[in-house]
C-alpha atoms as a PDB file:
ATOM      1  CA  MET A   1      -5.476 -79.133  25.817  1.00  0.00           C
ATOM      2  CA  ALA A   2      -5.452 -82.822  25.447  1.00  0.00           C
ATOM      3  CA  GLN A   3      -2.411 -83.907  23.114  1.00  0.00           C
ATOM      4  CA  VAL A   4      -2.502 -86.608  20.606  1.00  0.00           C
ATOM      5  CA  PRO A   5       0.601 -88.872  20.266  1.00  0.00           C
ATOM      6  CA  ARG A   6       2.498 -87.967  17.037  1.00  0.00           C
ATOM      7  CA  ALA A   7       3.766 -91.580  16.331  1.00  0.00           C
ATOM      8  CA  GLY A   8       2.328 -95.070  17.155  1.00  0.00           C
ATOM      9  CA  VAL A   9      -1.079 -96.465  16.725  1.00  0.00           C
ATOM     10  CA  VAL A  10      -3.899 -94.978  18.843  1.00  0.00           C
ATOM     11  CA  SER A  11      -6.805 -97.161  19.950  1.00  0.00           C
ATOM     12  CA  LEU A  12     -10.364 -95.928  19.637  1.00  0.00           C
ATOM     13  CA  ASP A  13     -10.730 -95.994  23.167  1.00  0.00           C
ATOM     14  CA  ALA A  14      -7.851 -93.558  23.575  1.00  0.00           C
ATOM     15  CA  LEU A  15      -9.018 -91.254  20.733  1.00  0.00           C
ATOM     16  CA  SER A  16     -12.493 -91.190  22.456  1.00  0.00           C
ATOM     17  CA  LEU A  17     -11.018 -90.125  25.689  1.00  0.00           C
ATOM     18  CA  LEU A  18      -8.795 -87.481  23.873  1.00  0.00           C
ATOM     19  CA  ILE A  19     -12.287 -86.060  22.343  1.00  0.00           C
ATOM     20  CA  ARG A  20     -13.977 -86.074  25.590  1.00  0.00           C
ATOM     21  CA  LYS A  21     -11.119 -84.246  27.363  1.00  0.00           C
ATOM     22  CA  ALA A  22     -10.845 -81.614  24.581  1.00  0.00           C
ATOM     23  CA  ASP A  23     -14.588 -81.178  24.770  1.00  0.00           C
ATOM     24  CA  LYS A  24     -14.492 -80.680  28.648  1.00  0.00           C
ATOM     25  CA  GLU A  25     -11.608 -78.071  28.247  1.00  0.00           C
ATOM     26  CA  MET A  26     -13.424 -76.170  25.499  1.00  0.00           C
ATOM     27  CA  ARG A  27     -16.519 -75.963  27.790  1.00  0.00           C
ATOM     28  CA  GLU A  28     -14.506 -74.550  30.715  1.00  0.00           C
ATOM     29  CA  SER A  29     -12.799 -72.131  28.589  1.00  0.00           C
ATOM     30  CA  ALA A  30     -16.174 -70.734  27.419  1.00  0.00           C
ATOM     31  CA  LYS A  31     -17.562 -70.518  30.927  1.00  0.00           C
ATOM     32  CA  LEU A  32     -14.403 -68.657  31.879  1.00  0.00           C
ATOM     33  CA  PHE A  33     -14.775 -66.260  28.969  1.00  0.00           C
ATOM     34  CA  LEU A  34     -18.564 -65.587  29.706  1.00  0.00           C
ATOM     35  CA  ARG A  35     -17.625 -64.695  33.288  1.00  0.00           C
ATOM     36  CA  GLN A  36     -15.243 -61.690  32.187  1.00  0.00           C
ATOM     37  CA  PRO A  37     -16.879 -58.261  31.726  1.00  0.00           C
ATOM     38  CA  ILE A  38     -18.214 -57.741  28.358  1.00  0.00           C
ATOM     39  CA  GLU A  39     -15.931 -54.755  27.668  1.00  0.00           C
ATOM     40  CA  SER A  40     -12.755 -56.832  28.355  1.00  0.00           C
ATOM     41  CA  ARG A  41     -13.492 -59.541  25.915  1.00  0.00           C
ATOM     42  CA  LEU A  42     -11.736 -59.784  22.755  1.00  0.00           C
ATOM     43  CA  GLN A  43     -10.182 -56.241  23.284  1.00  0.00           C
ATOM     44  CA  ASN A  44      -7.792 -56.412  20.259  1.00  0.00           C
ATOM     45  CA  LEU A  45     -10.797 -57.421  17.914  1.00  0.00           C
ATOM     46  CA  ARG A  46     -12.911 -54.865  19.375  1.00  0.00           C
ATOM     47  CA  ILE A  47     -10.279 -52.139  18.809  1.00  0.00           C
ATOM     48  CA  THR A  48      -9.672 -53.236  15.226  1.00  0.00           C
ATOM     49  CA  VAL A  49     -13.269 -53.286  14.504  1.00  0.00           C
ATOM     50  CA  GLU A  50     -13.711 -49.796  15.846  1.00  0.00           C
ATOM     51  CA  LYS A  51     -10.870 -48.344  13.800  1.00  0.00           C
ATOM     52  CA  ILE A  52     -12.475 -49.557  10.556  1.00  0.00           C
ATOM     53  CA  GLY A  53     -13.494 -46.450   8.732  1.00  0.00           C
ATOM     54  CA  SER A  54     -12.117 -43.999  11.190  1.00  0.00           C
ATOM     55  CA  ALA A  55      -8.885 -43.329   9.357  1.00  0.00           C
ATOM     56  CA  PRO A  56      -8.829 -39.672   8.534  1.00  0.00           C
ATOM     57  CA  ILE A  57     -10.013 -38.688   4.861  1.00  0.00           C
ATOM     58  CA  ARG A  58      -7.534 -36.532   3.040  1.00  0.00           C
ATOM     59  CA  ARG A  59      -8.903 -33.357   1.306  1.00  0.00           C
ATOM     60  CA  PRO A  60      -9.135 -34.294  -2.382  1.00  0.00           C
ATOM     61  CA  PRO A  61      -6.507 -32.366  -4.537  1.00  0.00           C
ATOM     62  CA  PRO A  62      -7.662 -29.332  -6.494  1.00  0.00           C
ATOM     63  CA  LEU A  63      -9.520 -30.281  -9.632  1.00  0.00           C
ATOM     64  CA  GLU A  64     -10.091 -27.511 -12.215  1.00  0.00           C
ATOM     65  CA  ARG A  65     -12.971 -29.277 -14.003  1.00  0.00           C
ATOM     66  CA  TYR A  66     -14.972 -29.273 -10.789  1.00  0.00           C
ATOM     67  CA  MET A  67     -14.352 -25.567  -9.839  1.00  0.00           C
ATOM     68  CA  LEU A  68     -15.227 -24.716 -13.680  1.00  0.00           C
ATOM     69  CA  GLN A  69     -18.443 -26.541 -13.355  1.00  0.00           C
ATOM     70  CA  TRP A  70     -19.195 -24.669 -10.203  1.00  0.00           C
ATOM     71  CA  SER A  71     -18.381 -21.187 -11.736  1.00  0.00           C
ATOM     72  CA  GLU A  72     -20.713 -21.817 -14.786  1.00  0.00           C
ATOM     73  CA  PHE A  73     -23.441 -23.041 -12.345  1.00  0.00           C
ATOM     74  CA  GLU A  74     -23.005 -19.842 -10.075  1.00  0.00           C
ATOM     75  CA  SER A  75     -23.121 -17.619 -13.151  1.00  0.00           C
ATOM     76  CA  GLY A  76     -26.178 -19.129 -14.410  1.00  0.00           C
ATOM     77  CA  LYS A  77     -24.538 -21.032 -17.575  1.00  0.00           C
ATOM     78  CA  ARG A  78     -25.332 -24.313 -16.039  1.00  0.00           C
ATOM     79  CA  THR A  79     -28.423 -25.513 -14.148  1.00  0.00           C
ATOM     80  CA  HIS A  80     -27.089 -28.845 -13.124  1.00  0.00           C
ATOM     81  CA  LEU A  81     -24.081 -30.087 -11.101  1.00  0.00           C
ATOM     82  CA  ASP A  82     -22.643 -33.645 -11.462  1.00  0.00           C
ATOM     83  CA  ARG A  83     -22.656 -35.920  -8.385  1.00  0.00           C
ATOM     84  CA  GLY A  84     -18.785 -35.965  -8.596  1.00  0.00           C
ATOM     85  CA  THR A  85     -18.706 -32.234  -8.579  1.00  0.00           C
ATOM     86  CA  MET A  86     -21.039 -32.097  -5.605  1.00  0.00           C
ATOM     87  CA  ARG A  87     -18.969 -34.412  -3.465  1.00  0.00           C
ATOM     88  CA  TYR A  88     -15.821 -32.629  -4.269  1.00  0.00           C
ATOM     89  CA  LEU A  89     -17.449 -29.111  -3.472  1.00  0.00           C
ATOM     90  CA  CYS A  90     -18.190 -30.525   0.054  1.00  0.00           C
ATOM     91  CA  TRP A  91     -14.534 -29.881   0.595  1.00  0.00           C
ATOM     92  CA  GLU A  92     -14.210 -26.249  -0.790  1.00  0.00           C
ATOM     93  CA  PRO A  93     -15.062 -24.215   2.410  1.00  0.00           C
ATOM     94  CA  GLN A  94     -16.175 -21.137   0.719  1.00  0.00           C
ATOM     95  CA  ILE A  95     -18.352 -22.967  -1.695  1.00  0.00           C
ATOM     96  CA  ALA A  96     -19.570 -25.933   0.716  1.00  0.00           C
ATOM     97  CA  THR A  97     -20.984 -23.381   3.340  1.00  0.00           C
ATOM     98  CA  SER A  98     -22.722 -21.064   0.647  1.00  0.00           C
ATOM     99  CA  SER A  99     -26.688 -20.983   0.696  1.00  0.00           C
ATOM    100  CA  LEU A 100     -26.502 -21.496  -2.883  1.00  0.00           C
ATOM    101  CA  PHE A 101     -24.646 -24.881  -2.747  1.00  0.00           C
ATOM    102  CA  LEU A 102     -26.374 -26.191   0.278  1.00  0.00           C
ATOM    103  CA  THR A 103     -29.888 -25.424  -1.207  1.00  0.00           C
ATOM    104  CA  TYR A 104     -28.889 -27.115  -4.422  1.00  0.00           C
ATOM    105  CA  LEU A 105     -27.466 -30.163  -2.542  1.00  0.00           C
ATOM    106  CA  GLN A 106     -30.412 -30.568  -0.338  1.00  0.00           C
ATOM    107  CA  GLY A 107     -32.767 -30.492  -3.396  1.00  0.00           C
ATOM    108  CA  SER A 108     -30.693 -32.828  -5.427  1.00  0.00           C
ATOM    109  CA  GLY A 109     -31.653 -35.890  -3.488  1.00  0.00           C
ATOM    110  CA  MET A 110     -28.129 -37.206  -3.613  1.00  0.00           C
ATOM    111  CA  PRO A 111     -27.302 -39.439  -0.714  1.00  0.00           C
ATOM    112  CA  LEU A 112     -24.481 -38.179   1.139  1.00  0.00           C
ATOM    113  CA  ASN A 113     -21.681 -40.597   2.046  1.00  0.00           C
ATOM    114  CA  ARG A 114     -18.951 -40.240   4.725  1.00  0.00           C
ATOM    115  CA  ARG A 115     -16.738 -38.343   2.403  1.00  0.00           C
ATOM    116  CA  SER A 116     -19.187 -35.708   1.611  1.00  0.00           C
ATOM    117  CA  LEU A 117     -20.451 -35.310   5.108  1.00  0.00           C
ATOM    118  CA  GLU A 118     -17.102 -35.201   6.565  1.00  0.00           C
ATOM    119  CA  GLY A 119     -16.020 -32.632   4.040  1.00  0.00           C
ATOM    120  CA  LEU A 120     -19.058 -30.412   5.024  1.00  0.00           C
ATOM    121  CA  VAL A 121     -18.052 -30.623   8.725  1.00  0.00           C
ATOM    122  CA  ARG A 122     -14.380 -29.974   7.987  1.00  0.00           C
ATOM    123  CA  SER A 123     -15.598 -26.894   5.796  1.00  0.00           C
ATOM    124  CA  CYS A 124     -17.420 -25.468   8.668  1.00  0.00           C
ATOM    125  CA  HIS A 125     -14.536 -26.029  11.042  1.00  0.00           C
ATOM    126  CA  SER A 126     -12.233 -24.021   8.665  1.00  0.00           C
ATOM    127  CA  LYS A 127     -14.470 -21.260   8.809  1.00  0.00           C
ATOM    128  CA  TRP A 128     -15.188 -20.984  12.677  1.00  0.00           C
ATOM    129  CA  VAL A 129     -14.532 -17.368  13.165  1.00  0.00           C
ATOM    130  CA  GLY A 130     -16.839 -14.656  14.474  1.00  0.00           C
ATOM    131  CA  SER A 131     -20.499 -15.254  14.109  1.00  0.00           C
ATOM    132  CA  PHE A 132     -20.103 -18.144  11.592  1.00  0.00           C
ATOM    133  CA  SER A 133     -21.162 -20.695  14.193  1.00  0.00           C
ATOM    134  CA  GLU A 134     -24.692 -19.247  14.454  1.00  0.00           C
ATOM    135  CA  SER A 135     -25.255 -19.026  10.667  1.00  0.00           C
ATOM    136  CA  SER A 136     -27.959 -20.773   8.635  1.00  0.00           C
ATOM    137  CA  SER A 137     -25.265 -22.779   6.808  1.00  0.00           C
ATOM    138  CA  VAL A 138     -24.169 -24.564  10.059  1.00  0.00           C
ATOM    139  CA  ASP A 139     -27.800 -25.253  10.885  1.00  0.00           C
ATOM    140  CA  THR A 140     -28.155 -26.971   7.355  1.00  0.00           C
ATOM    141  CA  ILE A 141     -25.072 -29.073   7.893  1.00  0.00           C
ATOM    142  CA  LYS A 142     -26.072 -30.074  11.292  1.00  0.00           C
ATOM    143  CA  SER A 143     -29.272 -31.190   9.795  1.00  0.00           C
ATOM    144  CA  LEU A 144     -27.478 -33.272   7.051  1.00  0.00           C
ATOM    145  CA  VAL A 145     -25.188 -35.103   9.655  1.00  0.00           C
ATOM    146  CA  GLY A 146     -28.243 -35.637  11.829  1.00  0.00           C
ATOM    147  CA  ASP A 147     -29.929 -37.563   8.769  1.00  0.00           C
ATOM    148  CA  TYR A 148     -27.021 -39.978   8.538  1.00  0.00           C
ATOM    149  CA  THR A 149     -27.940 -43.532   9.134  1.00  0.00           C
ATOM    150  CA  GLY A 150     -24.712 -45.554   8.215  1.00  0.00           C
ATOM    151  CA  PRO A 151     -22.287 -47.224  10.472  1.00  0.00           C
ATOM    152  CA  ASN A 152     -19.184 -45.136  10.122  1.00  0.00           C
ATOM    153  CA  PRO A 153     -17.629 -44.436  13.510  1.00  0.00           C
ATOM    154  CA  VAL A 154     -16.476 -40.702  12.727  1.00  0.00           C
ATOM    155  CA  LEU A 155     -20.101 -39.957  11.764  1.00  0.00           C
ATOM    156  CA  VAL A 156     -21.682 -41.817  14.392  1.00  0.00           C
ATOM    157  CA  LYS A 157     -19.653 -40.006  16.951  1.00  0.00           C
ATOM    158  CA  TRP A 158     -20.148 -36.563  15.523  1.00  0.00           C
ATOM    159  CA  LYS A 159     -23.968 -37.271  15.071  1.00  0.00           C
ATOM    160  CA  SER A 160     -24.270 -38.588  18.687  1.00  0.00           C
ATOM    161  CA  ASN A 161     -22.376 -35.263  19.880  1.00  0.00           C
ATOM    162  CA  ILE A 162     -23.655 -32.738  17.254  1.00  0.00           C
ATOM    163  CA  ASP A 163     -23.726 -29.919  19.520  1.00  0.00           C
ATOM    164  CA  ALA A 164     -19.996 -30.419  20.419  1.00  0.00           C
ATOM    165  CA  ILE A 165     -19.165 -30.630  16.746  1.00  0.00           C
ATOM    166  CA  LEU A 166     -21.225 -27.945  15.075  1.00  0.00           C
ATOM    167  CA  GLY A 167     -23.049 -26.066  18.005  1.00  0.00           C
ATOM    168  CA  LYS A 168     -22.076 -22.364  18.651  1.00  0.00           C
ATOM    169  CA  ASP A 169     -20.855 -23.490  22.120  1.00  0.00           C
ATOM    170  CA  GLY A 170     -19.126 -26.619  20.793  1.00  0.00           C
ATOM    171  CA  PRO A 171     -15.575 -25.343  21.406  1.00  0.00           C
ATOM    172  CA  GLU A 172     -16.626 -24.665  25.146  1.00  0.00           C
ATOM    173  CA  ILE A 173     -18.056 -28.273  25.478  1.00  0.00           C
ATOM    174  CA  LEU A 174     -14.934 -29.941  24.019  1.00  0.00           C
ATOM    175  CA  ALA A 175     -12.720 -27.756  26.042  1.00  0.00           C
ATOM    176  CA  ARG A 176     -14.411 -28.699  29.237  1.00  0.00           C
ATOM    177  CA  GLY A 177     -13.782 -32.442  28.336  1.00  0.00           C
ATOM    178  CA  LEU A 178     -10.195 -31.967  27.527  1.00  0.00           C
ATOM    179  CA  VAL A 179      -9.478 -30.046  30.869  1.00  0.00           C
ATOM    180  CA  ASN A 180     -11.437 -32.805  32.769  1.00  0.00           C
ATOM    181  CA  GLU A 181      -9.863 -35.761  31.180  1.00  0.00           C
ATOM    182  CA  ASP A 182      -6.321 -37.013  31.572  1.00  0.00           C
ATOM    183  CA  LYS A 183      -5.364 -37.133  27.665  1.00  0.00           C
ATOM    184  CA  THR A 184      -2.854 -35.171  25.692  1.00  0.00           C
ATOM    185  CA  LEU A 185      -4.363 -32.617  23.201  1.00  0.00           C
ATOM    186  CA  HIS A 186      -3.130 -34.718  20.279  1.00  0.00           C
ATOM    187  CA  ALA A 187      -4.908 -37.634  21.723  1.00  0.00           C
ATOM    188  CA  TYR A 188      -8.004 -35.758  22.504  1.00  0.00           C
ATOM    189  CA  LEU A 189      -8.119 -34.404  18.889  1.00  0.00           C
ATOM    190  CA  ASP A 190      -7.874 -37.789  17.564  1.00  0.00           C
ATOM    191  CA  GLU A 191     -10.570 -39.299  19.674  1.00  0.00           C
ATOM    192  CA  TRP A 192     -12.862 -36.458  18.232  1.00  0.00           C
ATOM    193  CA  TYR A 193     -11.510 -36.721  14.648  1.00  0.00           C
ATOM    194  CA  LEU A 194     -10.639 -32.948  14.484  1.00  0.00           C
ATOM    195  CA  GLU A 195      -8.118 -31.341  12.288  1.00  0.00           C
ATOM    196  CA  SER A 196      -5.547 -29.809  14.555  1.00  0.00           C
ATOM    197  CA  GLN A 197      -4.909 -26.528  12.503  1.00  0.00           C
ATOM    198  CA  SER A 198      -8.576 -25.623  11.948  1.00  0.00           C
ATOM    199  CA  PRO A 199     -10.085 -22.382  13.573  1.00  0.00           C
ATOM    200  CA  PHE A 200     -12.655 -24.579  15.266  1.00  0.00           C
ATOM    201  CA  VAL A 201      -9.758 -26.286  17.149  1.00  0.00           C
ATOM    202  CA  ARG A 202      -8.223 -22.995  17.827  1.00  0.00           C
ATOM    203  CA  SER A 203     -11.437 -21.887  19.647  1.00  0.00           C
ATOM    204  CA  VAL A 204     -11.048 -25.172  21.567  1.00  0.00           C
ATOM    205  CA  VAL A 205      -7.497 -24.588  22.683  1.00  0.00           C
ATOM    206  CA  GLU A 206      -8.390 -20.932  23.651  1.00  0.00           C
ATOM    207  CA  ALA A 207     -11.307 -22.119  25.728  1.00  0.00           C
ATOM    208  CA  ALA A 208      -9.403 -24.884  27.446  1.00  0.00           C
ATOM    209  CA  SER A 209      -6.540 -22.459  28.371  1.00  0.00           C
ATOM    210  CA  ALA A 210      -9.002 -20.018  29.756  1.00  0.00           C
ATOM    211  CA  LYS A 211     -10.558 -22.888  31.787  1.00  0.00           C
ATOM    212  CA  CYS A 212      -7.044 -23.965  33.011  1.00  0.00           C
ATOM    213  CA  ARG A 213      -6.439 -20.298  34.070  1.00  0.00           C
ATOM    214  CA  GLU A 214      -9.673 -20.347  36.071  1.00  0.00           C
ATOM    215  CA  GLN A 215      -8.607 -23.366  37.847  1.00  0.00           C
ATOM    216  CA  LEU A 216      -5.036 -22.334  38.614  1.00  0.00           C
ATOM    217  CA  ASP A 217      -5.510 -21.439  42.155  1.00  0.00           C
ATOM    218  CA  ARG A 218      -6.512 -25.187  42.857  1.00  0.00           C
ATOM    219  CA  SER A 219      -4.724 -26.647  40.040  1.00  0.00           C
ATOM    220  CA  SER A 220      -3.331 -30.132  39.833  1.00  0.00           C
ATOM    221  CA  ALA A 221       0.043 -31.169  38.327  1.00  0.00           C
ATOM    222  CA  GLY A 222      -1.948 -32.585  35.382  1.00  0.00           C
ATOM    223  CA  LEU A 223      -3.656 -29.372  34.654  1.00  0.00           C
ATOM    224  CA  VAL A 224      -0.499 -27.381  34.887  1.00  0.00           C
ATOM    225  CA  ASP A 225       1.239 -29.886  32.536  1.00  0.00           C
ATOM    226  CA  LEU A 226      -1.801 -29.551  30.109  1.00  0.00           C
ATOM    227  CA  LEU A 227      -1.496 -25.718  30.131  1.00  0.00           C
ATOM    228  CA  PHE A 228       2.124 -25.243  29.758  1.00  0.00           C
ATOM    229  CA  ARG A 229       3.046 -28.316  27.647  1.00  0.00           C
ATOM    230  CA  GLU A 230      -0.032 -28.912  25.490  1.00  0.00           C
ATOM    231  CA  LEU A 231      -1.951 -25.765  25.304  1.00  0.00           C
ATOM    232  CA  LEU A 232       0.119 -22.673  25.253  1.00  0.00           C
ATOM    233  CA  PRO A 233       2.896 -24.306  23.040  1.00  0.00           C
ATOM    234  CA  TRP A 234       0.257 -25.227  20.274  1.00  0.00           C
ATOM    235  CA  PRO A 235       1.356 -23.660  17.218  1.00  0.00           C
ATOM    236  CA  CYS A 236      -1.663 -22.342  15.794  1.00  0.00           C
ATOM    237  CA  TRP A 237      -2.398 -19.413  18.265  1.00  0.00           C
ATOM    238  CA  THR A 238      -3.170 -15.875  16.700  1.00  0.00           C
ATOM    239  CA  LEU A 239      -0.693 -13.843  18.256  1.00  0.00           C
ATOM    240  CA  PRO A 240      -2.805 -11.214  19.770  1.00  0.00           C
ATOM    241  CA  THR A 241      -5.030 -13.860  21.612  1.00  0.00           C
ATOM    242  CA  PHE A 242      -1.871 -15.734  22.684  1.00  0.00           C
ATOM    243  CA  LYS A 243      -0.227 -12.517  24.277  1.00  0.00           C
ATOM    244  CA  LYS A 244      -3.681 -11.663  25.998  1.00  0.00           C
ATOM    245  CA  GLU A 245      -3.757 -15.102  27.703  1.00  0.00           C
ATOM    246  CA  ILE A 246      -0.252 -14.810  28.776  1.00  0.00           C
ATOM    247  CA  GLY A 247      -1.040 -11.350  30.125  1.00  0.00           C
ATOM    248  CA  ALA A 248      -4.001 -12.898  32.065  1.00  0.00           C
ATOM    249  CA  LEU A 249      -1.930 -15.640  33.319  1.00  0.00           C
ATOM    250  CA  VAL A 250       0.840 -13.104  34.731  1.00  0.00           C
ATOM    251  CA  LEU A 251      -1.804 -11.144  36.445  1.00  0.00           C
ATOM    252  CA  HIS A 252      -3.653 -14.136  38.039  1.00  0.00           C
ATOM    253  CA  GLY A 253      -3.497 -14.309  41.750  1.00  0.00           C
ATOM    254  CA  ALA A 254      -2.202 -18.026  41.588  1.00  0.00           C
ATOM    255  CA  ALA A 255       0.846 -16.853  39.539  1.00  0.00           C
ATOM    256  CA  THR A 256       3.274 -17.086  42.482  1.00  0.00           C
ATOM    257  CA  GLY A 257       5.727 -19.978  43.751  1.00  0.00           C
ATOM    258  CA  ASN A 258       6.186 -22.762  41.337  1.00  0.00           C
ATOM    259  CA  ILE A 259       3.443 -21.403  38.919  1.00  0.00           C
ATOM    260  CA  GLN A 260       5.267 -18.153  38.677  1.00  0.00           C
ATOM    261  CA  GLU A 261       8.674 -20.073  38.165  1.00  0.00           C
ATOM    262  CA  ILE A 262       7.090 -22.061  35.396  1.00  0.00           C
ATOM    263  CA  LEU A 263       5.496 -19.123  33.668  1.00  0.00           C
ATOM    264  CA  ARG A 264       8.572 -16.986  33.865  1.00  0.00           C
ATOM    265  CA  LYS A 265      10.724 -19.760  32.045  1.00  0.00           C
ATOM    266  CA  PHE A 266       8.000 -20.198  29.625  1.00  0.00           C
ATOM    267  CA  VAL A 267       7.826 -16.565  28.476  1.00  0.00           C
ATOM    268  CA  LEU A 268      11.635 -16.281  28.467  1.00  0.00           C
ATOM    269  CA  ASN A 269      12.013 -19.194  26.089  1.00  0.00           C
ATOM    270  CA  HIS A 270       9.113 -18.652  23.734  1.00  0.00           C
ATOM    271  CA  LYS A 271      10.252 -17.160  20.400  1.00  0.00           C
ATOM    272  CA  GLU A 272       7.426 -14.657  20.265  1.00  0.00           C
ATOM    273  CA  LEU A 273       8.184 -13.313  23.668  1.00  0.00           C
ATOM    274  CA  GLY A 274      11.595 -13.692  25.236  1.00  0.00           C
ATOM    275  CA  ASP A 275      13.289 -11.436  27.804  1.00  0.00           C
ATOM    276  CA  PRO A 276      11.159  -8.163  27.892  1.00  0.00           C
ATOM    277  CA  ARG A 277      14.345  -6.294  29.167  1.00  0.00           C
ATOM    278  CA  LEU A 278      16.026  -6.608  25.796  1.00  0.00           C
ATOM    279  CA  PRO A 279      15.527  -3.975  23.367  1.00  0.00           C
ATOM    280  CA  THR A 280      15.121  -6.488  20.453  1.00  0.00           C
ATOM    281  CA  ASN A 281      12.221  -8.300  22.338  1.00  0.00           C
ATOM    282  CA  ARG A 282      10.106  -4.924  23.055  1.00  0.00           C
ATOM    283  CA  ILE A 283       8.094  -5.088  19.970  1.00  0.00           C
ATOM    284  CA  LYS A 284       7.098  -8.667  20.779  1.00  0.00           C
ATOM    285  CA  TRP A 285       5.696  -7.448  24.295  1.00  0.00           C
ATOM    286  CA  ALA A 286       3.757  -4.730  22.788  1.00  0.00           C
ATOM    287  CA  GLU A 287       0.437  -6.679  22.486  1.00  0.00           C
ATOM    288  CA  VAL A 288       0.873  -7.966  26.163  1.00  0.00           C
ATOM    289  CA  PRO A 289      -1.003  -5.766  28.602  1.00  0.00           C
ATOM    290  CA  GLU A 290       1.244  -3.160  30.243  1.00  0.00           C
ATOM    291  CA  GLU A 291       0.398  -4.215  33.745  1.00  0.00           C
ATOM    292  CA  ALA A 292       1.424  -7.793  33.022  1.00  0.00           C
ATOM    293  CA  ARG A 293       4.619  -6.711  31.319  1.00  0.00           C
ATOM    294  CA  GLU A 294       5.694  -4.668  34.327  1.00  0.00           C
ATOM    295  CA  ARG A 295       4.983  -7.619  36.416  1.00  0.00           C
ATOM    296  CA  VAL A 296       7.225  -9.936  34.402  1.00  0.00           C
ATOM    297  CA  LEU A 297      10.155  -7.135  34.577  1.00  0.00           C
ATOM    298  CA  GLN A 298       9.609  -7.177  38.483  1.00  0.00           C
ATOM    299  CA  TRP A 299       9.877 -10.961  38.594  1.00  0.00           C
ATOM    300  CA  LEU A 300      13.168 -10.720  36.563  1.00  0.00           C
ATOM    301  CA  CYS A 301      14.667  -7.965  38.505  1.00  0.00           C
ATOM    302  CA  ASN A 302      14.013  -9.875  41.700  1.00  0.00           C
ATOM    303  CA  ASP A 303      15.621 -13.008  40.236  1.00  0.00           C
ATOM    304  CA  ASN A 304      19.128 -13.238  41.612  1.00  0.00           C
ATOM    305  CA  THR A 305      20.082 -15.724  39.109  1.00  0.00           C
ATOM    306  CA  SER A 306      20.038 -13.438  36.128  1.00  0.00           C
ATOM    307  CA  SER A 307      21.298  -9.925  35.371  1.00  0.00           C
ATOM    308  CA  PHE A 308      19.466  -7.207  37.155  1.00  0.00           C
ATOM    309  CA  CYS A 309      17.989  -3.770  36.291  1.00  0.00           C
ATOM    310  CA  ASP A 310      16.925  -0.308  37.300  1.00  0.00           C
ATOM    311  CA  HIS A 311      13.623   1.374  36.942  1.00  0.00           C
ATOM    312  CA  VAL A 312      14.972   4.727  35.548  1.00  0.00           C
ATOM    313  CA  TYR A 313      13.597   7.869  33.951  1.00  0.00           C
ATOM    314  CA  ARG A 314      14.995   9.085  30.644  1.00  0.00           C
ATOM    315  CA  GLU A 315      14.551  12.417  29.041  1.00  0.00           C
ATOM    316  CA  ASP A 316      11.867  12.417  26.173  1.00  0.00           C
ATOM    317  CA  LYS A 317      11.341   8.625  26.927  1.00  0.00           C
ATOM    318  CA  GLY A 318       9.703   8.460  30.151  1.00  0.00           C
ATOM    319  CA  TRP A 319      10.025   5.512  32.741  1.00  0.00           C
ATOM    320  CA  GLY A 320      11.668   2.379  31.500  1.00  0.00           C
ATOM    321  CA  TRP A 321      14.030  -0.417  32.494  1.00  0.00           C
ATOM    322  CA  ARG A 322      17.735  -0.143  32.311  1.00  0.00           C
ATOM    323  CA  ARG A 323      19.834  -3.402  32.245  1.00  0.00           C
ATOM    324  CA  ARG A 324      22.867  -3.849  34.228  1.00  0.00           C
ATOM    325  CA  GLU A 325      25.481  -6.602  33.877  1.00  0.00           C
ATOM    326  CA  GLU A 326      27.191  -7.654  37.185  1.00  0.00           C
ATOM    327  CA  ARG A 327      30.935  -8.169  36.970  1.00  0.00           C
ATOM    328  CA  THR A 328      33.670  -9.086  39.406  1.00  0.00           C
ATOM    329  CA  ASP A 329      35.657  -6.004  38.934  1.00  0.00           C
ATOM    330  CA  THR A 330      33.238  -3.164  38.046  1.00  0.00           C
ATOM    331  CA  VAL A 331      29.675  -2.594  37.045  1.00  0.00           C
ATOM    332  CA  GLN A 332      28.776  -1.004  33.923  1.00  0.00           C
ATOM    333  CA  PHE A 333      25.368   0.379  32.643  1.00  0.00           C
ATOM    334  CA  GLY A 334      24.023  -0.239  29.293  1.00  0.00           C
END
């Protein structure tokens, strides 16, 4: 950029020259800018604009007056709900997904803003168990989100991908994207504005784990990392489902070599499993399929780095595993 002297007298000719140089440089800069791909222009500004309105909305704190008004409405003592009450009740899953509330909400003519619609979606996700995804309540809320015409990035993304957010196959759709994209679980959930502890996300994690298992025989390092560092350690599994998944992994044909070693270390270090040879861990392994449990025991007994054991028959107890501790002077059986 042309520089203007800080001291001394500047002639009109010199000033005119400086202006012409500055104009030329600005035109050249504009040409260079326009040659850049659109997606690379003003990236920081674009990112900032995209984040506006996308910060997660927190669930409102419990307010007794709204719940009391709903109770009176439900019992027939009231025929009208205040708008503030309706917006609040969108965040109460049991009420927000009831046909009584949704029928009244639709008939009220109240415009639904981002807070109300996000509350309805999150209420659905918190009840995503069994056949709920195929209920008429979900269909109604899908319709309400589909009617949104505002600029909010959360609702725009949800509306553009309504089947992924509120479709009965939504968890499968999102699980497929998670497995195919090189992202952490946390980053992926943030990208879709999902609450990590909801039953809906639990379904996504379960489906993604199953997809990783299906591809285990042709897995990449990224897929193994996603499975054992992101999905299986996720803290919101239901234990029966988690242990069923562990059993399926143990029995998978690809559970050999490096995969077997990773899986063996994972179960030994997991607080809900641990070493199945120890009496204190037997109850933890009760929900794991017996065939898978036997295979893990076989892995451990073939591991020269750990204490070894025998498959023995005990009176009134049937076949089981007896642990042996190897010492330099003698061998004791416990």
